[in-house]
Amino acid sequence: MKGLYALGSLIPQISSNNSTWIAPNAAVIGNVVLEEDVSIWFGVVIRGDIADQPIVIGARSNIQESAVLHHDANYPLRIGRDVTVGHKAMLHGCTIDDNSLIGMNACILNGAKIGKNCIIGAHSL
């Protein structure tokens, strides 16, 4: 599948039912787990470069154009089920729980925990 890149021994894992969609110019790199029916849109970069801490994107979530997702040691990045991450959002070492929406150009940083059914407005920090 285009857009998947190993980083040394770290290899992205996608749902076994082949329901994940990744835009041809998106980059899913390293230790990343994509559950069923996830969509990764154009220009997205997801970089999982920590061996014992995968970035996990839950079922039916979508990561929209030009979003950037990364994690730090001791700050995992977890996205729950049915989450929408808006255009150009920056998620770094945070947890987004099920059925939440992260607005366009929002920035959620290390240690932040967004609960279920939340809306984070566009351009929020």
PDB file of N, CA and C in Angstrom:
ATOM      1  N   MET A   1       0.848  -1.179   0.000  1.00  0.00           N
ATOM      2  CA  MET A   1       0.000   0.000   0.000  1.00  0.00           C
ATOM      3  C   MET A   1       0.898   1.249   0.000  1.00  0.00           C
ATOM      4  N   LYS A   2       0.572   2.192  -0.856  1.00  0.00           N
ATOM      5  CA  LYS A   2       1.340   3.436  -0.915  1.00  0.00           C
ATOM      6  C   LYS A   2       1.184   4.214   0.377  1.00  0.00           C
ATOM      7  N   GLY A   3       2.214   4.964   0.715  1.00  0.00           N
ATOM      8  CA  GLY A   3       2.165   5.820   1.884  1.00  0.00           C
ATOM      9  C   GLY A   3       2.639   5.176   3.165  1.00  0.00           C
ATOM     10  N   LEU A   4       2.942   3.873   3.141  1.00  0.00           N
ATOM     11  CA  LEU A   4       3.443   3.177   4.329  1.00  0.00           C
ATOM     12  C   LEU A   4       4.953   3.057   4.232  1.00  0.00           C
ATOM     13  N   TYR A   5       5.646   3.436   5.316  1.00  0.00           N
ATOM     14  CA  TYR A   5       7.101   3.411   5.310  1.00  0.00           C
ATOM     15  C   TYR A   5       7.630   2.799   6.599  1.00  0.00           C
ATOM     16  N   ALA A   6       8.533   1.840   6.457  1.00  0.00           N
ATOM     17  CA  ALA A   6       9.232   1.303   7.622  1.00  0.00           C
ATOM     18  C   ALA A   6      10.259   2.325   8.081  1.00  0.00           C
ATOM     19  N   LEU A   7      10.543   2.304   9.372  1.00  0.00           N
ATOM     20  CA  LEU A   7      11.601   3.131   9.942  1.00  0.00           C
ATOM     21  C   LEU A   7      12.494   2.165  10.717  1.00  0.00           C
ATOM     22  N   GLY A   8      13.543   1.711  10.075  1.00  0.00           N
ATOM     23  CA  GLY A   8      14.340   0.630  10.640  1.00  0.00           C
ATOM     24  C   GLY A   8      13.468  -0.600  10.784  1.00  0.00           C
ATOM     25  N   SER A   9      13.380  -1.130  12.000  1.00  0.00           N
ATOM     26  CA  SER A   9      12.560  -2.326  12.242  1.00  0.00           C
ATOM     27  C   SER A   9      11.103  -1.991  12.568  1.00  0.00           C
ATOM     28  N   LEU A  10      10.752  -0.710  12.614  1.00  0.00           N
ATOM     29  CA  LEU A  10       9.384  -0.292  12.937  1.00  0.00           C
ATOM     30  C   LEU A  10       8.563  -0.227  11.661  1.00  0.00           C
ATOM     31  N   ILE A  11       7.491  -1.024  11.612  1.00  0.00           N
ATOM     32  CA  ILE A  11       6.696  -1.161  10.391  1.00  0.00           C
ATOM     33  C   ILE A  11       5.238  -0.844  10.711  1.00  0.00           C
ATOM     34  N   PRO A  12       4.585   0.027   9.927  1.00  0.00           N
ATOM     35  CA  PRO A  12       3.168   0.310  10.166  1.00  0.00           C
ATOM     36  C   PRO A  12       2.318  -0.957  10.047  1.00  0.00           C
ATOM     37  N   GLN A  13       1.280  -1.026  10.874  1.00  0.00           N
ATOM     38  CA  GLN A  13       0.345  -2.146  10.842  1.00  0.00           C
ATOM     39  C   GLN A  13      -1.031  -1.606  10.509  1.00  0.00           C
ATOM     40  N   ILE A  14      -1.675  -2.239   9.545  1.00  0.00           N
ATOM     41  CA  ILE A  14      -3.023  -1.809   9.179  1.00  0.00           C
ATOM     42  C   ILE A  14      -3.992  -2.965   9.387  1.00  0.00           C
ATOM     43  N   SER A  15      -5.253  -2.635   9.503  1.00  0.00           N
ATOM     44  CA  SER A  15      -6.304  -3.623   9.715  1.00  0.00           C
ATOM     45  C   SER A  15      -6.216  -4.724   8.674  1.00  0.00           C
ATOM     46  N   SER A  16      -6.463  -5.946   9.103  1.00  0.00           N
ATOM     47  CA  SER A  16      -6.349  -7.095   8.199  1.00  0.00           C
ATOM     48  C   SER A  16      -7.478  -7.179   7.185  1.00  0.00           C
ATOM     49  N   ASN A  17      -8.541  -6.402   7.355  1.00  0.00           N
ATOM     50  CA  ASN A  17      -9.655  -6.495   6.403  1.00  0.00           C
ATOM     51  C   ASN A  17      -9.515  -5.540   5.215  1.00  0.00           C
ATOM     52  N   ASN A  18      -8.359  -4.881   5.092  1.00  0.00           N
ATOM     53  CA  ASN A  18      -8.057  -3.998   3.952  1.00  0.00           C
ATOM     54  C   ASN A  18      -9.059  -2.865   3.772  1.00  0.00           C
ATOM     55  N   SER A  19      -9.644  -2.388   4.868  1.00  0.00           N
ATOM     56  CA  SER A  19     -10.624  -1.305   4.772  1.00  0.00           C
ATOM     57  C   SER A  19     -10.010   0.062   5.019  1.00  0.00           C
ATOM     58  N   THR A  20      -8.720   0.108   5.305  1.00  0.00           N
ATOM     59  CA  THR A  20      -8.034   1.379   5.540  1.00  0.00           C
ATOM     60  C   THR A  20      -7.705   2.036   4.212  1.00  0.00           C
ATOM     61  N   TRP A  21      -7.879   3.361   4.152  1.00  0.00           N
ATOM     62  CA  TRP A  21      -7.511   4.093   2.939  1.00  0.00           C
ATOM     63  C   TRP A  21      -6.448   5.116   3.292  1.00  0.00           C
ATOM     64  N   ILE A  22      -5.379   5.140   2.493  1.00  0.00           N
ATOM     65  CA  ILE A  22      -4.288   6.090   2.680  1.00  0.00           C
ATOM     66  C   ILE A  22      -4.048   6.814   1.359  1.00  0.00           C
ATOM     67  N   ALA A  23      -4.115   8.139   1.384  1.00  0.00           N
ATOM     68  CA  ALA A  23      -3.870   8.929   0.170  1.00  0.00           C
ATOM     69  C   ALA A  23      -2.451   8.668  -0.329  1.00  0.00           C
ATOM     70  N   PRO A  24      -2.255   8.744  -1.643  1.00  0.00           N
ATOM     71  CA  PRO A  24      -0.938   8.412  -2.199  1.00  0.00           C
ATOM     72  C   PRO A  24       0.206   9.311  -1.733  1.00  0.00           C
ATOM     73  N   ASN A  25      -0.079  10.533  -1.304  1.00  0.00           N
ATOM     74  CA  ASN A  25       1.019  11.391  -0.836  1.00  0.00           C
ATOM     75  C   ASN A  25       1.041  11.563   0.679  1.00  0.00           C
ATOM     76  N   ALA A  26       0.296  10.738   1.386  1.00  0.00           N
ATOM     77  CA  ALA A  26       0.383  10.711   2.847  1.00  0.00           C
ATOM     78  C   ALA A  26       1.579   9.855   3.243  1.00  0.00           C
ATOM     79  N   ALA A  27       2.070  10.037   4.468  1.00  0.00           N
ATOM     80  CA  ALA A  27       3.204   9.253   4.954  1.00  0.00           C
ATOM     81  C   ALA A  27       2.869   8.697   6.337  1.00  0.00           C
ATOM     82  N   VAL A  28       2.742   7.381   6.411  1.00  0.00           N
ATOM     83  CA  VAL A  28       2.527   6.663   7.665  1.00  0.00           C
ATOM     84  C   VAL A  28       3.830   5.916   7.920  1.00  0.00           C
ATOM     85  N   ILE A  29       4.561   6.351   8.938  1.00  0.00           N
ATOM     86  CA  ILE A  29       5.958   5.942   9.100  1.00  0.00           C
ATOM     87  C   ILE A  29       6.154   5.240  10.443  1.00  0.00           C
ATOM     88  N   GLY A  30       6.757   4.065  10.403  1.00  0.00           N
ATOM     89  CA  GLY A  30       7.211   3.410  11.620  1.00  0.00           C
ATOM     90  C   GLY A  30       6.126   2.748  12.431  1.00  0.00           C
ATOM     91  N   ASN A  31       6.180   2.918  13.740  1.00  0.00           N
ATOM     92  CA  ASN A  31       5.354   2.200  14.701  1.00  0.00           C
ATOM     93  C   ASN A  31       3.964   2.835  14.812  1.00  0.00           C
ATOM     94  N   VAL A  32       3.125   2.521  13.831  1.00  0.00           N
ATOM     95  CA  VAL A  32       1.777   3.077  13.735  1.00  0.00           C
ATOM     96  C   VAL A  32       0.810   1.922  13.523  1.00  0.00           C
ATOM     97  N   VAL A  33      -0.316   1.945  14.244  1.00  0.00           N
ATOM     98  CA  VAL A  33      -1.359   0.940  14.094  1.00  0.00           C
ATOM     99  C   VAL A  33      -2.620   1.644  13.607  1.00  0.00           C
ATOM    100  N   LEU A  34      -3.138   1.208  12.455  1.00  0.00           N
ATOM    101  CA  LEU A  34      -4.374   1.746  11.893  1.00  0.00           C
ATOM    102  C   LEU A  34      -5.437   0.658  11.962  1.00  0.00           C
ATOM    103  N   GLU A  35      -6.497   0.903  12.727  1.00  0.00           N
ATOM    104  CA  GLU A  35      -7.577  -0.067  12.846  1.00  0.00           C
ATOM    105  C   GLU A  35      -8.500   0.019  11.625  1.00  0.00           C
ATOM    106  N   GLU A  36      -9.560  -0.789  11.620  1.00  0.00           N
ATOM    107  CA  GLU A  36     -10.415  -0.910  10.438  1.00  0.00           C
ATOM    108  C   GLU A  36     -11.121   0.401  10.095  1.00  0.00           C
ATOM    109  N   ASP A  37     -11.275   0.592   8.785  1.00  0.00           N
ATOM    110  CA  ASP A  37     -12.020   1.720   8.206  1.00  0.00           C
ATOM    111  C   ASP A  37     -11.420   3.090   8.521  1.00  0.00           C
ATOM    112  N   VAL A  38     -10.144   3.145   8.809  1.00  0.00           N
ATOM    113  CA  VAL A  38      -9.458   4.423   9.017  1.00  0.00           C
ATOM    114  C   VAL A  38      -9.154   5.038   7.657  1.00  0.00           C
ATOM    115  N   SER A  39      -9.248   6.366   7.558  1.00  0.00           N
ATOM    116  CA  SER A  39      -8.820   7.051   6.330  1.00  0.00           C
ATOM    117  C   SER A  39      -7.787   8.110   6.684  1.00  0.00           C
ATOM    118  N   ILE A  40      -6.728   8.116   5.878  1.00  0.00           N
ATOM    119  CA  ILE A  40      -5.616   9.045   6.035  1.00  0.00           C
ATOM    120  C   ILE A  40      -5.553   9.865   4.747  1.00  0.00           C
ATOM    121  N   TRP A  41      -5.814  11.153   4.842  1.00  0.00           N
ATOM    122  CA  TRP A  41      -5.985  11.980   3.646  1.00  0.00           C
ATOM    123  C   TRP A  41      -4.673  12.613   3.187  1.00  0.00           C
ATOM    124  N   PHE A  42      -4.775  13.372   2.116  1.00  0.00           N
ATOM    125  CA  PHE A  42      -3.622  13.904   1.391  1.00  0.00           C
ATOM    126  C   PHE A  42      -2.741  14.789   2.265  1.00  0.00           C
ATOM    127  N   GLY A  43      -1.440  14.559   2.183  1.00  0.00           N
ATOM    128  CA  GLY A  43      -0.463  15.388   2.871  1.00  0.00           C
ATOM    129  C   GLY A  43      -0.276  15.092   4.355  1.00  0.00           C
ATOM    130  N   VAL A  44      -0.989  14.112   4.889  1.00  0.00           N
ATOM    131  CA  VAL A  44      -0.851  13.767   6.309  1.00  0.00           C
ATOM    132  C   VAL A  44       0.504  13.105   6.548  1.00  0.00           C
ATOM    133  N   VAL A  45       1.116  13.417   7.699  1.00  0.00           N
ATOM    134  CA  VAL A  45       2.330  12.733   8.142  1.00  0.00           C
ATOM    135  C   VAL A  45       2.077  12.184   9.539  1.00  0.00           C
ATOM    136  N   ILE A  46       2.270  10.871   9.686  1.00  0.00           N
ATOM    137  CA  ILE A  46       2.171  10.203  10.984  1.00  0.00           C
ATOM    138  C   ILE A  46       3.504   9.508  11.195  1.00  0.00           C
ATOM    139  N   ARG A  47       4.272   9.960  12.190  1.00  0.00           N
ATOM    140  CA  ARG A  47       5.618   9.411  12.403  1.00  0.00           C
ATOM    141  C   ARG A  47       5.709   8.739  13.764  1.00  0.00           C
ATOM    142  N   GLY A  48       5.778   7.404  13.720  1.00  0.00           N
ATOM    143  CA  GLY A  48       5.922   6.595  14.925  1.00  0.00           C
ATOM    144  C   GLY A  48       7.347   6.100  15.052  1.00  0.00           C
ATOM    145  N   ASP A  49       8.171   6.847  15.754  1.00  0.00           N
ATOM    146  CA  ASP A  49       9.596   6.503  15.814  1.00  0.00           C
ATOM    147  C   ASP A  49      10.041   6.008  17.183  1.00  0.00           C
ATOM    148  N   ILE A  50       9.086   5.599  18.030  1.00  0.00           N
ATOM    149  CA  ILE A  50       9.417   5.049  19.344  1.00  0.00           C
ATOM    150  C   ILE A  50       9.004   3.581  19.360  1.00  0.00           C
ATOM    151  N   ALA A  51       9.975   2.686  19.597  1.00  0.00           N
ATOM    152  CA  ALA A  51       9.776   1.245  19.421  1.00  0.00           C
ATOM    153  C   ALA A  51       8.691   0.667  20.317  1.00  0.00           C
ATOM    154  N   ASP A  52       8.659   1.036  21.584  1.00  0.00           N
ATOM    155  CA  ASP A  52       7.730   0.383  22.512  1.00  0.00           C
ATOM    156  C   ASP A  52       6.435   1.168  22.718  1.00  0.00           C
ATOM    157  N   GLN A  53       6.140   2.076  21.818  1.00  0.00           N
ATOM    158  CA  GLN A  53       5.002   2.968  22.007  1.00  0.00           C
ATOM    159  C   GLN A  53       4.356   3.290  20.659  1.00  0.00           C
ATOM    160  N   PRO A  54       3.492   2.410  20.151  1.00  0.00           N
ATOM    161  CA  PRO A  54       2.895   2.688  18.837  1.00  0.00           C
ATOM    162  C   PRO A  54       1.915   3.862  18.883  1.00  0.00           C
ATOM    163  N   ILE A  55       1.815   4.556  17.784  1.00  0.00           N
ATOM    164  CA  ILE A  55       0.719   5.500  17.577  1.00  0.00           C
ATOM    165  C   ILE A  55      -0.459   4.651  17.121  1.00  0.00           C
ATOM    166  N   VAL A  56      -1.604   4.776  17.800  1.00  0.00           N
ATOM    167  CA  VAL A  56      -2.774   3.965  17.477  1.00  0.00           C
ATOM    168  C   VAL A  56      -3.903   4.875  17.036  1.00  0.00           C
ATOM    169  N   ILE A  57      -4.487   4.537  15.876  1.00  0.00           N
ATOM    170  CA  ILE A  57      -5.646   5.280  15.369  1.00  0.00           C
ATOM    171  C   ILE A  57      -6.810   4.296  15.292  1.00  0.00           C
ATOM    172  N   GLY A  58      -7.856   4.601  16.056  1.00  0.00           N
ATOM    173  CA  GLY A  58      -8.983   3.698  16.223  1.00  0.00           C
ATOM    174  C   GLY A  58      -9.887   3.601  15.003  1.00  0.00           C
ATOM    175  N   ALA A  59     -10.701   2.585  15.031  1.00  0.00           N
ATOM    176  CA  ALA A  59     -11.610   2.247  13.930  1.00  0.00           C
ATOM    177  C   ALA A  59     -12.478   3.440  13.525  1.00  0.00           C
ATOM    178  N   ARG A  60     -12.638   3.568  12.223  1.00  0.00           N
ATOM    179  CA  ARG A  60     -13.524   4.558  11.593  1.00  0.00           C
ATOM    180  C   ARG A  60     -13.093   6.003  11.816  1.00  0.00           C
ATOM    181  N   SER A  61     -11.894   6.214  12.285  1.00  0.00           N
ATOM    182  CA  SER A  61     -11.393   7.582  12.442  1.00  0.00           C
ATOM    183  C   SER A  61     -10.811   8.075  11.129  1.00  0.00           C
ATOM    184  N   ASN A  62     -10.818   9.384  10.968  1.00  0.00           N
ATOM    185  CA  ASN A  62     -10.245   9.957   9.743  1.00  0.00           C
ATOM    186  C   ASN A  62      -9.330  11.104  10.108  1.00  0.00           C
ATOM    187  N   ILE A  63      -8.197  11.127   9.421  1.00  0.00           N
ATOM    188  CA  ILE A  63      -7.176  12.143   9.622  1.00  0.00           C
ATOM    189  C   ILE A  63      -7.137  12.953   8.328  1.00  0.00           C
ATOM    190  N   GLN A  64      -7.550  14.209   8.412  1.00  0.00           N
ATOM    191  CA  GLN A  64      -7.749  15.004   7.204  1.00  0.00           C
ATOM    192  C   GLN A  64      -6.468  15.694   6.736  1.00  0.00           C
ATOM    193  N   GLU A  65      -6.558  16.303   5.585  1.00  0.00           N
ATOM    194  CA  GLU A  65      -5.421  16.834   4.843  1.00  0.00           C
ATOM    195  C   GLU A  65      -4.441  17.629   5.697  1.00  0.00           C
ATOM    196  N   SER A  66      -3.158  17.297   5.513  1.00  0.00           N
ATOM    197  CA  SER A  66      -2.010  18.019   6.069  1.00  0.00           C
ATOM    198  C   SER A  66      -1.889  17.981   7.587  1.00  0.00           C
ATOM    199  N   ALA A  67      -2.613  17.080   8.250  1.00  0.00           N
ATOM    200  CA  ALA A  67      -2.427  16.920   9.697  1.00  0.00           C
ATOM    201  C   ALA A  67      -1.072  16.265   9.960  1.00  0.00           C
ATOM    202  N   VAL A  68      -0.496  16.565  11.128  1.00  0.00           N
ATOM    203  CA  VAL A  68       0.783  15.980  11.541  1.00  0.00           C
ATOM    204  C   VAL A  68       0.588  15.325  12.901  1.00  0.00           C
ATOM    205  N   LEU A  69       0.980  14.049  13.002  1.00  0.00           N
ATOM    206  CA  LEU A  69       0.830  13.282  14.233  1.00  0.00           C
ATOM    207  C   LEU A  69       2.178  12.701  14.621  1.00  0.00           C
ATOM    208  N   HIS A  70       2.559  12.893  15.894  1.00  0.00           N
ATOM    209  CA  HIS A  70       3.840  12.392  16.383  1.00  0.00           C
ATOM    210  C   HIS A  70       3.698  12.129  17.882  1.00  0.00           C
ATOM    211  N   HIS A  71       4.676  11.463  18.461  1.00  0.00           N
ATOM    212  CA  HIS A  71       4.684  11.180  19.894  1.00  0.00           C
ATOM    213  C   HIS A  71       6.087  11.399  20.445  1.00  0.00           C
ATOM    214  N   ASP A  72       6.189  11.419  21.768  1.00  0.00           N
ATOM    215  CA  ASP A  72       7.475  11.532  22.459  1.00  0.00           C
ATOM    216  C   ASP A  72       7.573  10.378  23.446  1.00  0.00           C
ATOM    217  N   ALA A  73       8.781  10.091  23.912  1.00  0.00           N
ATOM    218  CA  ALA A  73       8.954   9.105  24.974  1.00  0.00           C
ATOM    219  C   ALA A  73       8.090   9.519  26.159  1.00  0.00           C
ATOM    220  N   ASN A  74       7.355   8.570  26.691  1.00  0.00           N
ATOM    221  CA  ASN A  74       6.439   8.773  27.827  1.00  0.00           C
ATOM    222  C   ASN A  74       5.204   9.607  27.489  1.00  0.00           C
ATOM    223  N   TYR A  75       5.032   9.954  26.246  1.00  0.00           N
ATOM    224  CA  TYR A  75       3.834  10.664  25.796  1.00  0.00           C
ATOM    225  C   TYR A  75       3.279   9.973  24.548  1.00  0.00           C
ATOM    226  N   PRO A  76       2.547   8.876  24.740  1.00  0.00           N
ATOM    227  CA  PRO A  76       1.998   8.163  23.580  1.00  0.00           C
ATOM    228  C   PRO A  76       0.930   8.993  22.878  1.00  0.00           C
ATOM    229  N   LEU A  77       0.692   8.660  21.636  1.00  0.00           N
ATOM    230  CA  LEU A  77      -0.396   9.275  20.868  1.00  0.00           C
ATOM    231  C   LEU A  77      -1.421   8.189  20.594  1.00  0.00           C
ATOM    232  N   ARG A  78      -2.626   8.394  21.100  1.00  0.00           N
ATOM    233  CA  ARG A  78      -3.713   7.449  20.917  1.00  0.00           C
ATOM    234  C   ARG A  78      -4.941   8.210  20.443  1.00  0.00           C
ATOM    235  N   ILE A  79      -5.519   7.727  19.372  1.00  0.00           N
ATOM    236  CA  ILE A  79      -6.752   8.302  18.844  1.00  0.00           C
ATOM    237  C   ILE A  79      -7.804   7.208  18.893  1.00  0.00           C
ATOM    238  N   GLY A  80      -8.938   7.494  19.512  1.00  0.00           N
ATOM    239  CA  GLY A  80      -9.995   6.504  19.681  1.00  0.00           C
ATOM    240  C   GLY A  80     -10.764   6.228  18.396  1.00  0.00           C
ATOM    241  N   ARG A  81     -11.891   5.588  18.562  1.00  0.00           N
ATOM    242  CA  ARG A  81     -12.762   5.227  17.441  1.00  0.00           C
ATOM    243  C   ARG A  81     -13.651   6.419  17.057  1.00  0.00           C
ATOM    244  N   ASP A  82     -13.955   6.504  15.761  1.00  0.00           N
ATOM    245  CA  ASP A  82     -14.920   7.493  15.246  1.00  0.00           C
ATOM    246  C   ASP A  82     -14.489   8.935  15.516  1.00  0.00           C
ATOM    247  N   VAL A  83     -13.204   9.191  15.432  1.00  0.00           N
ATOM    248  CA  VAL A  83     -12.643  10.530  15.648  1.00  0.00           C
ATOM    249  C   VAL A  83     -12.379  11.188  14.297  1.00  0.00           C
ATOM    250  N   THR A  84     -12.639  12.474  14.216  1.00  0.00           N
ATOM    251  CA  THR A  84     -12.248  13.272  13.053  1.00  0.00           C
ATOM    252  C   THR A  84     -11.172  14.247  13.484  1.00  0.00           C
ATOM    253  N   VAL A  85     -10.046  14.210  12.772  1.00  0.00           N
ATOM    254  CA  VAL A  85      -8.954  15.152  12.986  1.00  0.00           C
ATOM    255  C   VAL A  85      -8.949  16.080  11.776  1.00  0.00           C
ATOM    256  N   GLY A  86      -9.218  17.365  11.996  1.00  0.00           N
ATOM    257  CA  GLY A  86      -9.390  18.326  10.916  1.00  0.00           C
ATOM    258  C   GLY A  86      -8.102  18.684  10.183  1.00  0.00           C
ATOM    259  N   HIS A  87      -8.286  19.355   9.067  1.00  0.00           N
ATOM    260  CA  HIS A  87      -7.190  19.788   8.206  1.00  0.00           C
ATOM    261  C   HIS A  87      -6.121  20.538   9.008  1.00  0.00           C
ATOM    262  N   LYS A  88      -4.869  20.209   8.769  1.00  0.00           N
ATOM    263  CA  LYS A  88      -3.695  20.878   9.349  1.00  0.00           C
ATOM    264  C   LYS A  88      -3.593  20.806  10.869  1.00  0.00           C
ATOM    265  N   ALA A  89      -4.347  19.911  11.498  1.00  0.00           N
ATOM    266  CA  ALA A  89      -4.221  19.768  12.954  1.00  0.00           C
ATOM    267  C   ALA A  89      -2.856  19.181  13.293  1.00  0.00           C
ATOM    268  N   MET A  90      -2.354  19.513  14.484  1.00  0.00           N
ATOM    269  CA  MET A  90      -1.086  18.989  14.998  1.00  0.00           C
ATOM    270  C   MET A  90      -1.404  18.258  16.295  1.00  0.00           C
ATOM    271  N   LEU A  91      -1.175  16.940  16.291  1.00  0.00           N
ATOM    272  CA  LEU A  91      -1.379  16.134  17.500  1.00  0.00           C
ATOM    273  C   LEU A  91      -0.030  15.575  17.903  1.00  0.00           C
ATOM    274  N   HIS A  92       0.367  15.843  19.143  1.00  0.00           N
ATOM    275  CA  HIS A  92       1.701  15.439  19.593  1.00  0.00           C
ATOM    276  C   HIS A  92       1.614  14.867  21.008  1.00  0.00           C
ATOM    277  N   GLY A  93       1.817  13.559  21.136  1.00  0.00           N
ATOM    278  CA  GLY A  93       1.876  12.932  22.448  1.00  0.00           C
ATOM    279  C   GLY A  93       0.630  13.108  23.285  1.00  0.00           C
ATOM    280  N   CYS A  94      -0.542  12.975  22.687  1.00  0.00           N
ATOM    281  CA  CYS A  94      -1.801  13.223  23.384  1.00  0.00           C
ATOM    282  C   CYS A  94      -2.757  12.048  23.198  1.00  0.00           C
ATOM    283  N   THR A  95      -3.873  12.091  23.914  1.00  0.00           N
ATOM    284  CA  THR A  95      -4.911  11.072  23.799  1.00  0.00           C
ATOM    285  C   THR A  95      -6.209  11.748  23.395  1.00  0.00           C
ATOM    286  N   ILE A  96      -6.816  11.224  22.339  1.00  0.00           N
ATOM    287  CA  ILE A  96      -8.117  11.713  21.874  1.00  0.00           C
ATOM    288  C   ILE A  96      -9.078  10.533  22.011  1.00  0.00           C
ATOM    289  N   ASP A  97     -10.104  10.678  22.833  1.00  0.00           N
ATOM    290  CA  ASP A  97     -11.015   9.556  23.066  1.00  0.00           C
ATOM    291  C   ASP A  97     -12.086   9.486  21.966  1.00  0.00           C
ATOM    292  N   ASP A  98     -12.897   8.440  22.038  1.00  0.00           N
ATOM    293  CA  ASP A  98     -13.872   8.102  21.001  1.00  0.00           C
ATOM    294  C   ASP A  98     -14.825   9.249  20.676  1.00  0.00           C
ATOM    295  N   ASN A  99     -15.197   9.299  19.398  1.00  0.00           N
ATOM    296  CA  ASN A  99     -16.269  10.158  18.895  1.00  0.00           C
ATOM    297  C   ASN A  99     -16.014  11.646  19.134  1.00  0.00           C
ATOM    298  N   SER A 100     -14.760  12.044  19.080  1.00  0.00           N
ATOM    299  CA  SER A 100     -14.424  13.462  19.249  1.00  0.00           C
ATOM    300  C   SER A 100     -14.009  14.072  17.923  1.00  0.00           C
ATOM    301  N   LEU A 101     -14.065  15.381  17.868  1.00  0.00           N
ATOM    302  CA  LEU A 101     -13.678  16.122  16.673  1.00  0.00           C
ATOM    303  C   LEU A 101     -12.592  17.121  17.055  1.00  0.00           C
ATOM    304  N   ILE A 102     -11.498  17.086  16.318  1.00  0.00           N
ATOM    305  CA  ILE A 102     -10.408  18.042  16.505  1.00  0.00           C
ATOM    306  C   ILE A 102     -10.472  19.002  15.326  1.00  0.00           C
ATOM    307  N   GLY A 103     -10.712  20.273  15.597  1.00  0.00           N
ATOM    308  CA  GLY A 103     -10.935  21.259  14.552  1.00  0.00           C
ATOM    309  C   GLY A 103      -9.699  21.555  13.713  1.00  0.00           C
ATOM    310  N   MET A 104      -9.945  22.169  12.586  1.00  0.00           N
ATOM    311  CA  MET A 104      -8.878  22.523  11.655  1.00  0.00           C
ATOM    312  C   MET A 104      -7.820  23.380  12.340  1.00  0.00           C
ATOM    313  N   ASN A 105      -6.559  23.030  12.095  1.00  0.00           N
ATOM    314  CA  ASN A 105      -5.399  23.784  12.576  1.00  0.00           C
ATOM    315  C   ASN A 105      -5.277  23.808  14.110  1.00  0.00           C
ATOM    316  N   ALA A 106      -5.995  22.917  14.792  1.00  0.00           N
ATOM    317  CA  ALA A 106      -5.846  22.821  16.245  1.00  0.00           C
ATOM    318  C   ALA A 106      -4.501  22.182  16.569  1.00  0.00           C
ATOM    319  N   CYS A 107      -3.983  22.488  17.755  1.00  0.00           N
ATOM    320  CA  CYS A 107      -2.704  21.949  18.206  1.00  0.00           C
ATOM    321  C   CYS A 107      -2.911  21.354  19.599  1.00  0.00           C
ATOM    322  N   ILE A 108      -2.771  20.031  19.707  1.00  0.00           N
ATOM    323  CA  ILE A 108      -2.945  19.322  20.969  1.00  0.00           C
ATOM    324  C   ILE A 108      -1.589  18.717  21.322  1.00  0.00           C
ATOM    325  N   LEU A 109      -1.028  19.099  22.474  1.00  0.00           N
ATOM    326  CA  LEU A 109       0.364  18.773  22.780  1.00  0.00           C
ATOM    327  C   LEU A 109       0.508  17.704  23.863  1.00  0.00           C
ATOM    328  N   ASN A 110       1.760  17.363  24.158  1.00  0.00           N
ATOM    329  CA  ASN A 110       2.124  16.278  25.070  1.00  0.00           C
ATOM    330  C   ASN A 110       1.314  16.285  26.362  1.00  0.00           C
ATOM    331  N   GLY A 111       0.756  15.117  26.676  1.00  0.00           N
ATOM    332  CA  GLY A 111       0.057  14.908  27.929  1.00  0.00           C
ATOM    333  C   GLY A 111      -1.402  15.316  27.934  1.00  0.00           C
ATOM    334  N   ALA A 112      -1.869  16.002  26.907  1.00  0.00           N
ATOM    335  CA  ALA A 112      -3.275  16.404  26.866  1.00  0.00           C
ATOM    336  C   ALA A 112      -4.162  15.174  26.665  1.00  0.00           C
ATOM    337  N   LYS A 113      -5.320  15.182  27.331  1.00  0.00           N
ATOM    338  CA  LYS A 113      -6.282  14.090  27.216  1.00  0.00           C
ATOM    339  C   LYS A 113      -7.639  14.692  26.889  1.00  0.00           C
ATOM    340  N   ILE A 114      -8.113  14.382  25.703  1.00  0.00           N
ATOM    341  CA  ILE A 114      -9.412  14.856  25.243  1.00  0.00           C
ATOM    342  C   ILE A 114     -10.399  13.708  25.436  1.00  0.00           C
ATOM    343  N   GLY A 115     -11.489  13.950  26.143  1.00  0.00           N
ATOM    344  CA  GLY A 115     -12.444  12.893  26.475  1.00  0.00           C
ATOM    345  C   GLY A 115     -13.333  12.492  25.321  1.00  0.00           C
ATOM    346  N   LYS A 116     -14.267  11.602  25.625  1.00  0.00           N
ATOM    347  CA  LYS A 116     -15.239  11.143  24.632  1.00  0.00           C
ATOM    348  C   LYS A 116     -16.190  12.270  24.260  1.00  0.00           C
ATOM    349  N   ASN A 117     -16.620  12.261  23.007  1.00  0.00           N
ATOM    350  CA  ASN A 117     -17.673  13.161  22.515  1.00  0.00           C
ATOM    351  C   ASN A 117     -17.322  14.636  22.670  1.00  0.00           C
ATOM    352  N   CYS A 118     -16.048  14.973  22.523  1.00  0.00           N
ATOM    353  CA  CYS A 118     -15.609  16.371  22.660  1.00  0.00           C
ATOM    354  C   CYS A 118     -15.427  17.039  21.301  1.00  0.00           C
ATOM    355  N   ILE A 119     -15.560  18.337  21.295  1.00  0.00           N
ATOM    356  CA  ILE A 119     -15.256  19.147  20.112  1.00  0.00           C
ATOM    357  C   ILE A 119     -14.186  20.148  20.523  1.00  0.00           C
ATOM    358  N   ILE A 120     -13.062  20.107  19.803  1.00  0.00           N
ATOM    359  CA  ILE A 120     -11.986  21.088  19.992  1.00  0.00           C
ATOM    360  C   ILE A 120     -12.036  22.025  18.788  1.00  0.00           C
ATOM    361  N   GLY A 121     -12.244  23.299  19.038  1.00  0.00           N
ATOM    362  CA  GLY A 121     -12.475  24.254  17.974  1.00  0.00           C
ATOM    363  C   GLY A 121     -11.258  24.478  17.079  1.00  0.00           C
ATOM    364  N   ALA A 122     -11.525  24.969  15.900  1.00  0.00           N
ATOM    365  CA  ALA A 122     -10.468  25.309  14.947  1.00  0.00           C
ATOM    366  C   ALA A 122      -9.500  26.293  15.581  1.00  0.00           C
ATOM    367  N   HIS A 123      -8.227  26.124  15.287  1.00  0.00           N
ATOM    368  CA  HIS A 123      -7.130  26.987  15.755  1.00  0.00           C
ATOM    369  C   HIS A 123      -6.905  26.943  17.269  1.00  0.00           C
ATOM    370  N   SER A 124      -7.457  25.961  17.963  1.00  0.00           N
ATOM    371  CA  SER A 124      -7.254  25.853  19.412  1.00  0.00           C
ATOM    372  C   SER A 124      -5.845  25.392  19.733  1.00  0.00           C
ATOM    373  N   LEU A 125      -5.350  25.798  20.876  1.00  0.00           N
ATOM    374  CA  LEU A 125      -4.070  25.303  21.408  1.00  0.00           C
ATOM    375  C   LEU A 125      -4.363  24.717  22.776  1.00  0.00           C
TER     376      LEU A 125
END
